[in-house]
Amino acid sequence: MSEAEKKESPKPTIYRLEEVQKHKSGSSLWLVIHNQVYDVTKFLDEHPGGEEVLIEQAGGDGSESFEDVGHSSDARELMKDYHIGELADEDKFKPNTRVSAAIGNSSESQGSFLLNWVLPAVVGIGVAVIYRVFFAGNN
């Protein structure tokens, strides 16, 4: 067995939500994304979206906002540098269906496609037809 195999991976540090909530300032800013705890204090000045975005989520669950933005795989890789532990089981946030849809392909994402693209297209075509029927006869 190699030396690397002999080393056991350390258990993650477990944080209670009340501890995370104490870190809401620019001097110490923690947030939770998918029940993992991140200390992003040193990342505030580097965050491409500005520090306000992180401060807004400070001390709480930023999973939905994180997924709504559609972070790149590079951003997800960079997160590992700021990971300090995970949320205690009793404090873990339930997965949001919107976040789940962003991660995987669910029926909600298909419903969203219908509401965002198909329905407006049908309404637009309907309005165009009504306009032609009523106003084409006046010429």
N, C-alpha and C. Protein backbone atom coordinates (compact mmCIF):
# COMPACT_ATOMS: atom_id res chain seq x y z
N MET A 1 0.85 -1.18 0.00
CA MET A 1 0.00 0.00 0.00
C MET A 1 0.89 1.24 0.00
N SER A 2 0.59 2.20 -0.87
CA SER A 2 1.41 3.40 -0.97
C SER A 2 1.16 4.31 0.22
N GLU A 3 2.07 5.27 0.39
CA GLU A 3 1.96 6.23 1.49
C GLU A 3 0.67 7.06 1.37
N ALA A 4 0.32 7.43 0.13
CA ALA A 4 -0.91 8.21 -0.09
C ALA A 4 -2.15 7.42 0.27
N GLU A 5 -2.13 6.13 0.00
CA GLU A 5 -3.29 5.29 0.31
C GLU A 5 -3.44 5.09 1.80
N LYS A 6 -2.32 5.15 2.54
CA LYS A 6 -2.38 4.97 3.99
C LYS A 6 -3.03 6.16 4.68
N LYS A 7 -2.87 7.33 4.08
CA LYS A 7 -3.47 8.53 4.68
C LYS A 7 -4.97 8.50 4.48
N GLU A 8 -5.67 8.71 5.56
CA GLU A 8 -7.13 8.78 5.45
C GLU A 8 -7.52 10.21 5.16
N SER A 9 -8.56 10.36 4.35
CA SER A 9 -9.03 11.72 4.10
C SER A 9 -9.68 12.23 5.38
N PRO A 10 -9.36 13.48 5.76
CA PRO A 10 -9.91 14.01 7.00
C PRO A 10 -11.42 14.21 6.89
N LYS A 11 -12.07 14.04 8.03
CA LYS A 11 -13.51 14.28 8.05
C LYS A 11 -13.75 15.78 7.89
N PRO A 12 -14.80 16.14 7.15
CA PRO A 12 -15.07 17.58 6.97
C PRO A 12 -15.50 18.21 8.29
N THR A 13 -15.19 19.46 8.45
CA THR A 13 -15.64 20.20 9.62
C THR A 13 -17.13 20.46 9.46
N ILE A 14 -17.86 20.23 10.52
CA ILE A 14 -19.31 20.41 10.51
C ILE A 14 -19.64 21.72 11.22
N TYR A 15 -20.44 22.55 10.57
CA TYR A 15 -20.84 23.84 11.14
C TYR A 15 -22.35 23.88 11.32
N ARG A 16 -22.77 24.46 12.42
CA ARG A 16 -24.18 24.74 12.63
C ARG A 16 -24.52 26.03 11.89
N LEU A 17 -25.76 26.16 11.46
CA LEU A 17 -26.20 27.34 10.74
C LEU A 17 -26.01 28.60 11.58
N GLU A 18 -26.23 28.51 12.88
CA GLU A 18 -26.06 29.69 13.73
C GLU A 18 -24.62 30.19 13.71
N GLU A 19 -23.65 29.31 13.54
CA GLU A 19 -22.25 29.73 13.42
C GLU A 19 -22.01 30.44 12.08
N VAL A 20 -22.57 29.88 11.02
CA VAL A 20 -22.42 30.49 9.69
C VAL A 20 -23.03 31.89 9.69
N GLN A 21 -24.15 32.06 10.35
CA GLN A 21 -24.86 33.33 10.36
C GLN A 21 -24.09 34.43 11.09
N LYS A 22 -23.09 34.08 11.86
CA LYS A 22 -22.27 35.07 12.55
C LYS A 22 -21.25 35.74 11.62
N HIS A 23 -21.08 35.19 10.43
CA HIS A 23 -20.05 35.67 9.51
C HIS A 23 -20.71 36.37 8.32
N LYS A 24 -21.16 37.61 8.57
CA LYS A 24 -21.90 38.37 7.55
C LYS A 24 -21.24 39.68 7.17
N SER A 25 -19.99 39.87 7.53
CA SER A 25 -19.35 41.15 7.26
C SER A 25 -18.18 40.98 6.30
N GLY A 26 -17.68 42.08 5.80
CA GLY A 26 -16.55 42.05 4.89
C GLY A 26 -15.28 41.51 5.53
N SER A 27 -15.22 41.56 6.87
CA SER A 27 -14.03 41.05 7.56
C SER A 27 -14.11 39.54 7.78
N SER A 28 -15.30 38.97 7.68
CA SER A 28 -15.50 37.52 7.79
C SER A 28 -16.84 37.17 7.15
N LEU A 29 -16.78 36.61 5.94
CA LEU A 29 -17.99 36.34 5.20
C LEU A 29 -18.06 34.88 4.79
N TRP A 30 -19.05 34.18 5.35
CA TRP A 30 -19.28 32.78 5.02
C TRP A 30 -20.63 32.67 4.34
N LEU A 31 -20.75 31.67 3.47
CA LEU A 31 -22.05 31.36 2.89
C LEU A 31 -22.15 29.87 2.62
N VAL A 32 -23.36 29.42 2.42
CA VAL A 32 -23.66 28.01 2.19
C VAL A 32 -24.13 27.85 0.75
N ILE A 33 -23.53 26.89 0.05
CA ILE A 33 -23.99 26.53 -1.29
C ILE A 33 -24.11 25.02 -1.32
N HIS A 34 -25.29 24.53 -1.56
CA HIS A 34 -25.59 23.10 -1.58
C HIS A 34 -25.10 22.42 -0.30
N ASN A 35 -25.41 23.07 0.83
CA ASN A 35 -25.11 22.56 2.18
C ASN A 35 -23.62 22.44 2.47
N GLN A 36 -22.79 23.06 1.66
CA GLN A 36 -21.35 23.13 1.91
C GLN A 36 -21.04 24.57 2.35
N VAL A 37 -20.13 24.71 3.32
CA VAL A 37 -19.82 26.02 3.89
C VAL A 37 -18.53 26.56 3.25
N TYR A 38 -18.59 27.82 2.84
CA TYR A 38 -17.46 28.47 2.18
C TYR A 38 -17.13 29.78 2.90
N ASP A 39 -15.85 30.01 3.14
CA ASP A 39 -15.38 31.29 3.67
C ASP A 39 -14.84 32.07 2.46
N VAL A 40 -15.64 33.03 2.00
CA VAL A 40 -15.29 33.77 0.79
C VAL A 40 -14.75 35.17 1.09
N THR A 41 -14.32 35.38 2.32
CA THR A 41 -13.81 36.69 2.73
C THR A 41 -12.71 37.17 1.79
N LYS A 42 -11.75 36.33 1.50
CA LYS A 42 -10.61 36.72 0.66
C LYS A 42 -10.99 36.82 -0.82
N PHE A 43 -12.16 36.35 -1.19
CA PHE A 43 -12.60 36.36 -2.58
C PHE A 43 -13.45 37.59 -2.91
N LEU A 44 -13.84 38.36 -1.91
CA LEU A 44 -14.74 39.49 -2.12
C LEU A 44 -14.26 40.43 -3.22
N ASP A 45 -12.99 40.82 -3.17
CA ASP A 45 -12.46 41.77 -4.15
C ASP A 45 -12.30 41.15 -5.53
N GLU A 46 -12.21 39.83 -5.61
CA GLU A 46 -11.97 39.15 -6.88
C GLU A 46 -13.25 38.69 -7.58
N HIS A 47 -14.36 38.66 -6.86
CA HIS A 47 -15.60 38.12 -7.43
C HIS A 47 -16.03 38.94 -8.63
N PRO A 48 -16.17 38.30 -9.81
CA PRO A 48 -16.52 39.03 -11.04
C PRO A 48 -17.86 39.76 -10.96
N GLY A 49 -18.78 39.27 -10.16
CA GLY A 49 -20.09 39.91 -10.04
C GLY A 49 -20.12 41.02 -9.00
N GLY A 50 -18.98 41.28 -8.37
CA GLY A 50 -18.92 42.31 -7.33
C GLY A 50 -19.16 41.73 -5.95
N GLU A 51 -18.63 42.41 -4.97
CA GLU A 51 -18.74 41.91 -3.60
C GLU A 51 -20.16 41.99 -3.06
N GLU A 52 -20.98 42.90 -3.60
CA GLU A 52 -22.35 43.06 -3.10
C GLU A 52 -23.15 41.77 -3.23
N VAL A 53 -22.90 41.04 -4.29
CA VAL A 53 -23.62 39.79 -4.54
C VAL A 53 -23.34 38.79 -3.42
N LEU A 54 -22.09 38.71 -3.02
CA LEU A 54 -21.72 37.78 -1.95
C LEU A 54 -22.23 38.28 -0.59
N ILE A 55 -22.13 39.57 -0.36
CA ILE A 55 -22.59 40.14 0.90
C ILE A 55 -24.09 39.91 1.07
N GLU A 56 -24.83 39.99 -0.01
CA GLU A 56 -26.28 39.77 0.02
C GLU A 56 -26.63 38.35 0.50
N GLN A 57 -25.78 37.38 0.18
CA GLN A 57 -26.04 35.99 0.53
C GLN A 57 -25.34 35.57 1.84
N ALA A 58 -24.57 36.46 2.42
CA ALA A 58 -23.73 36.15 3.57
C ALA A 58 -24.52 35.54 4.73
N GLY A 59 -23.93 34.51 5.32
CA GLY A 59 -24.52 33.88 6.49
C GLY A 59 -25.69 32.98 6.20
N GLY A 60 -26.01 32.75 4.95
CA GLY A 60 -27.16 31.93 4.62
C GLY A 60 -26.93 31.08 3.39
N ASP A 61 -28.03 30.57 2.85
CA ASP A 61 -27.97 29.66 1.71
C ASP A 61 -28.01 30.45 0.40
N GLY A 62 -26.93 30.36 -0.36
CA GLY A 62 -26.85 31.04 -1.64
C GLY A 62 -26.97 30.10 -2.82
N SER A 63 -27.47 28.88 -2.59
CA SER A 63 -27.53 27.86 -3.64
C SER A 63 -28.35 28.30 -4.85
N GLU A 64 -29.54 28.81 -4.59
CA GLU A 64 -30.42 29.19 -5.71
C GLU A 64 -29.81 30.32 -6.52
N SER A 65 -29.28 31.32 -5.83
CA SER A 65 -28.66 32.44 -6.54
C SER A 65 -27.44 31.97 -7.33
N PHE A 66 -26.67 31.08 -6.74
CA PHE A 66 -25.48 30.55 -7.40
C PHE A 66 -25.86 29.83 -8.70
N GLU A 67 -26.91 29.02 -8.65
CA GLU A 67 -27.34 28.29 -9.84
C GLU A 67 -28.03 29.18 -10.85
N ASP A 68 -28.76 30.20 -10.38
CA ASP A 68 -29.45 31.11 -11.30
C ASP A 68 -28.48 31.84 -12.22
N VAL A 69 -27.29 32.14 -11.70
CA VAL A 69 -26.29 32.86 -12.48
C VAL A 69 -25.67 31.95 -13.53
N GLY A 70 -25.64 30.65 -13.27
CA GLY A 70 -25.05 29.71 -14.22
C GLY A 70 -23.53 29.77 -14.21
N HIS A 71 -22.94 29.56 -13.06
CA HIS A 71 -21.48 29.61 -12.94
C HIS A 71 -20.81 28.54 -13.80
N SER A 72 -19.64 28.87 -14.29
CA SER A 72 -18.88 27.97 -15.16
C SER A 72 -18.23 26.85 -14.35
N SER A 73 -17.70 25.86 -15.06
CA SER A 73 -17.00 24.78 -14.39
C SER A 73 -15.73 25.31 -13.72
N ASP A 74 -15.12 26.35 -14.29
CA ASP A 74 -13.95 26.97 -13.65
C ASP A 74 -14.33 27.60 -12.31
N ALA A 75 -15.47 28.26 -12.26
CA ALA A 75 -15.94 28.87 -11.01
C ALA A 75 -16.21 27.78 -9.96
N ARG A 76 -16.80 26.68 -10.40
CA ARG A 76 -17.09 25.58 -9.47
C ARG A 76 -15.79 24.96 -8.95
N GLU A 77 -14.78 24.91 -9.79
CA GLU A 77 -13.47 24.39 -9.37
C GLU A 77 -12.82 25.35 -8.37
N LEU A 78 -12.94 26.64 -8.62
CA LEU A 78 -12.37 27.66 -7.74
C LEU A 78 -12.98 27.61 -6.34
N MET A 79 -14.24 27.20 -6.26
CA MET A 79 -14.93 27.12 -4.97
C MET A 79 -14.18 26.23 -3.98
N LYS A 80 -13.50 25.23 -4.47
CA LYS A 80 -12.80 24.28 -3.59
C LYS A 80 -11.77 25.00 -2.71
N ASP A 81 -11.21 26.09 -3.23
CA ASP A 81 -10.22 26.85 -2.46
C ASP A 81 -10.82 27.52 -1.23
N TYR A 82 -12.12 27.73 -1.23
CA TYR A 82 -12.78 28.46 -0.16
C TYR A 82 -13.65 27.57 0.73
N HIS A 83 -13.69 26.30 0.42
CA HIS A 83 -14.51 25.34 1.16
C HIS A 83 -13.90 25.10 2.54
N ILE A 84 -14.72 25.26 3.59
CA ILE A 84 -14.21 25.05 4.95
C ILE A 84 -14.95 23.95 5.69
N GLY A 85 -16.05 23.45 5.14
CA GLY A 85 -16.78 22.39 5.82
C GLY A 85 -18.16 22.21 5.24
N GLU A 86 -19.00 21.56 6.03
CA GLU A 86 -20.38 21.36 5.59
C GLU A 86 -21.34 21.66 6.71
N LEU A 87 -22.58 21.88 6.33
CA LEU A 87 -23.63 22.21 7.29
C LEU A 87 -24.03 20.96 8.06
N ALA A 88 -24.32 21.14 9.33
CA ALA A 88 -24.78 20.03 10.17
C ALA A 88 -26.08 19.47 9.59
N ASP A 89 -26.26 18.17 9.73
CA ASP A 89 -27.44 17.50 9.15
C ASP A 89 -28.75 18.18 9.55
N GLU A 90 -28.86 18.57 10.81
CA GLU A 90 -30.12 19.16 11.26
C GLU A 90 -30.37 20.56 10.70
N ASP A 91 -29.35 21.18 10.12
CA ASP A 91 -29.49 22.53 9.55
C ASP A 91 -29.51 22.54 8.03
N LYS A 92 -29.33 21.40 7.41
CA LYS A 92 -29.23 21.36 5.95
C LYS A 92 -30.51 21.85 5.30
N PHE A 93 -30.31 22.59 4.21
CA PHE A 93 -31.44 23.12 3.45
C PHE A 93 -31.95 22.04 2.51
N LYS A 94 -33.26 22.00 2.35
CA LYS A 94 -33.87 21.06 1.41
C LYS A 94 -33.59 21.54 0.00
N PRO A 95 -33.33 20.60 -0.93
CA PRO A 95 -33.08 21.01 -2.32
C PRO A 95 -34.30 21.73 -2.89
N ASN A 96 -34.04 22.84 -3.55
CA ASN A 96 -35.09 23.61 -4.21
C ASN A 96 -35.29 23.01 -5.59
N THR A 97 -36.53 22.89 -6.04
CA THR A 97 -36.77 22.29 -7.36
C THR A 97 -36.16 23.12 -8.47
N ARG A 98 -36.10 24.45 -8.30
CA ARG A 98 -35.46 25.29 -9.32
C ARG A 98 -33.97 24.98 -9.42
N VAL A 99 -33.33 24.79 -8.26
CA VAL A 99 -31.91 24.46 -8.25
C VAL A 99 -31.72 23.08 -8.86
N SER A 100 -32.60 22.13 -8.51
CA SER A 100 -32.50 20.78 -9.07
C SER A 100 -32.65 20.80 -10.58
N ALA A 101 -33.53 21.64 -11.08
CA ALA A 101 -33.72 21.73 -12.53
C ALA A 101 -32.48 22.28 -13.21
N ALA A 102 -31.79 23.20 -12.54
CA ALA A 102 -30.57 23.75 -13.12
C ALA A 102 -29.46 22.71 -13.16
N ILE A 103 -29.49 21.78 -12.21
CA ILE A 103 -28.44 20.77 -12.14
C ILE A 103 -28.75 19.62 -13.08
N GLY A 104 -29.98 19.16 -13.09
CA GLY A 104 -30.35 18.02 -13.92
C GLY A 104 -31.51 18.37 -14.82
N ASN A 105 -31.94 17.42 -15.63
CA ASN A 105 -33.05 17.66 -16.54
C ASN A 105 -34.32 17.15 -15.89
N SER A 106 -35.21 18.05 -15.49
CA SER A 106 -36.45 17.64 -14.85
C SER A 106 -37.64 18.11 -15.68
N SER A 107 -38.81 17.67 -15.30
CA SER A 107 -40.00 18.09 -16.03
C SER A 107 -40.25 19.57 -15.84
N GLU A 108 -39.78 20.15 -14.72
CA GLU A 108 -39.97 21.58 -14.51
C GLU A 108 -39.19 22.40 -15.53
N SER A 109 -38.02 21.92 -15.92
CA SER A 109 -37.25 22.67 -16.91
C SER A 109 -37.96 22.63 -18.26
N GLN A 110 -38.67 21.54 -18.56
CA GLN A 110 -39.44 21.47 -19.79
C GLN A 110 -40.63 22.42 -19.71
N GLY A 111 -41.28 22.50 -18.56
CA GLY A 111 -42.39 23.42 -18.36
C GLY A 111 -41.93 24.86 -18.50
N SER A 112 -40.75 25.12 -18.01
CA SER A 112 -40.18 26.46 -18.12
C SER A 112 -39.96 26.82 -19.59
N PHE A 113 -39.50 25.88 -20.39
CA PHE A 113 -39.32 26.10 -21.82
C PHE A 113 -40.65 26.48 -22.47
N LEU A 114 -41.70 25.76 -22.11
CA LEU A 114 -43.02 26.05 -22.68
C LEU A 114 -43.48 27.46 -22.31
N LEU A 115 -43.33 27.82 -21.05
CA LEU A 115 -43.77 29.14 -20.60
C LEU A 115 -42.92 30.27 -21.16
N ASN A 116 -41.65 30.04 -21.33
CA ASN A 116 -40.75 31.12 -21.76
C ASN A 116 -40.64 31.27 -23.27
N TRP A 117 -40.91 30.23 -24.04
CA TRP A 117 -40.71 30.32 -25.48
C TRP A 117 -41.96 29.99 -26.30
N VAL A 118 -42.56 28.85 -26.03
CA VAL A 118 -43.68 28.41 -26.86
C VAL A 118 -44.91 29.28 -26.64
N LEU A 119 -45.28 29.52 -25.40
CA LEU A 119 -46.47 30.32 -25.12
C LEU A 119 -46.37 31.73 -25.69
N PRO A 120 -45.27 32.45 -25.49
CA PRO A 120 -45.18 33.78 -26.12
C PRO A 120 -45.23 33.73 -27.65
N ALA A 121 -44.65 32.69 -28.24
CA ALA A 121 -44.68 32.57 -29.70
C ALA A 121 -46.12 32.38 -30.18
N VAL A 122 -46.88 31.53 -29.51
CA VAL A 122 -48.27 31.28 -29.88
C VAL A 122 -49.10 32.55 -29.71
N VAL A 123 -48.90 33.25 -28.62
CA VAL A 123 -49.63 34.49 -28.39
C VAL A 123 -49.28 35.52 -29.47
N GLY A 124 -48.01 35.63 -29.82
CA GLY A 124 -47.58 36.57 -30.86
C GLY A 124 -48.22 36.25 -32.21
N ILE A 125 -48.24 34.99 -32.55
CA ILE A 125 -48.86 34.58 -33.82
C ILE A 125 -50.36 34.88 -33.79
N GLY A 126 -50.99 34.62 -32.66
CA GLY A 126 -52.43 34.89 -32.52
C GLY A 126 -52.73 36.37 -32.68
N VAL A 127 -51.92 37.22 -32.08
CA VAL A 127 -52.11 38.66 -32.20
C VAL A 127 -51.93 39.10 -33.66
N ALA A 128 -50.93 38.55 -34.34
CA ALA A 128 -50.68 38.90 -35.74
C ALA A 128 -51.88 38.50 -36.62
N VAL A 129 -52.43 37.32 -36.38
CA VAL A 129 -53.58 36.85 -37.16
C VAL A 129 -54.79 37.76 -36.90
N ILE A 130 -55.06 38.07 -35.67
CA ILE A 130 -56.20 38.95 -35.33
C ILE A 130 -56.01 40.32 -35.98
N TYR A 131 -54.82 40.86 -35.92
CA TYR A 131 -54.53 42.16 -36.53
C TYR A 131 -54.82 42.13 -38.02
N ARG A 132 -54.36 41.07 -38.70
CA ARG A 132 -54.58 40.99 -40.15
C ARG A 132 -56.06 40.85 -40.49
N VAL A 133 -56.77 40.05 -39.68
CA VAL A 133 -58.21 39.84 -39.96
C VAL A 133 -58.98 41.15 -39.80
N PHE A 134 -58.74 41.90 -38.77
CA PHE A 134 -59.51 43.12 -38.52
C PHE A 134 -59.04 44.33 -39.32
N PHE A 135 -57.75 44.43 -39.55
CA PHE A 135 -57.24 45.64 -40.19
C PHE A 135 -56.92 45.46 -41.68
N ALA A 136 -56.82 44.23 -42.17
CA ALA A 136 -56.53 44.00 -43.58
C ALA A 136 -57.78 44.34 -44.41
N GLY A 137 -58.96 44.16 -43.85
CA GLY A 137 -60.20 44.44 -44.58
C GLY A 137 -60.45 45.93 -44.74
N ASN A 138 -59.82 46.79 -43.97
CA ASN A 138 -60.02 48.24 -44.05
C ASN A 138 -59.25 48.87 -45.19
N ASN A 139 -58.30 48.17 -45.84
CA ASN A 139 -57.50 48.74 -46.91
C ASN A 139 -58.12 48.55 -48.24
